[in-house]
Amino acid sequence: MKSYSVDLREKIVAAHLEKNISIRKVANIFSVSKSLVQKLVKQQKLNG
């Protein structure tokens, strides 16, 4: 599995939660999988 920087992870989560961009669009914008975006968003919601 590829390792992603903390900065990139934060940008991905912020794009979805703060800018209300769909998970699919966020995945396309950052060239990552949809499942990664879902995982990061879920982690953020659980851990704050």
Protein backbone atom coordinates (compact mmCIF):
# COMPACT_ATOMS: atom_id res chain seq x y z
CA MET A 1 0.00 0.00 0.00
CA LYS A 2 1.23 3.47 -0.86
CA SER A 3 2.00 5.86 1.98
CA TYR A 4 0.36 9.29 1.90
CA SER A 5 1.60 12.36 3.75
CA VAL A 6 -0.35 13.79 6.66
CA ASP A 7 -0.76 17.00 4.66
CA LEU A 8 -2.37 15.18 1.75
CA ARG A 9 -4.64 13.21 4.08
CA GLU A 10 -5.81 16.43 5.73
CA LYS A 11 -6.47 18.07 2.36
CA ILE A 12 -8.51 15.07 1.20
CA VAL A 13 -10.68 15.07 4.34
CA ALA A 14 -11.11 18.86 4.26
CA ALA A 15 -12.17 18.81 0.62
CA HIS A 16 -14.99 16.42 1.45
CA LEU A 17 -16.11 17.66 4.86
CA GLU A 18 -15.52 21.41 4.62
CA LYS A 19 -16.05 22.06 0.92
CA ASN A 20 -18.83 19.47 0.50
CA ILE A 21 -17.19 17.83 -2.51
CA SER A 22 -18.37 14.28 -3.18
CA ILE A 23 -16.11 11.38 -2.30
CA ARG A 24 -15.86 10.40 -5.96
CA LYS A 25 -14.79 13.91 -7.02
CA VAL A 26 -12.28 14.18 -4.17
CA ALA A 27 -10.76 10.86 -5.25
CA ASN A 28 -10.46 12.13 -8.83
CA ILE A 29 -9.00 15.50 -7.79
CA PHE A 30 -6.27 13.93 -5.65
CA SER A 31 -5.75 10.83 -7.85
CA VAL A 32 -6.49 8.41 -5.03
CA SER A 33 -9.01 5.61 -4.67
CA LYS A 34 -12.55 6.22 -3.53
CA SER A 35 -12.03 3.69 -0.74
CA LEU A 36 -9.07 5.69 0.62
CA VAL A 37 -11.20 8.83 0.79
CA GLN A 38 -13.96 6.91 2.57
CA LYS A 39 -11.44 5.46 5.05
CA LEU A 40 -9.87 8.84 5.83
CA VAL A 41 -13.25 10.53 6.31
CA LYS A 42 -14.42 7.71 8.58
CA GLN A 43 -11.23 7.95 10.66
CA GLN A 44 -11.65 11.71 10.98
CA LYS A 45 -15.25 11.39 12.14
CA LEU A 46 -14.32 8.75 14.74
CA ASN A 47 -11.15 10.41 16.02
CA GLY A 48 -11.97 14.06 15.51
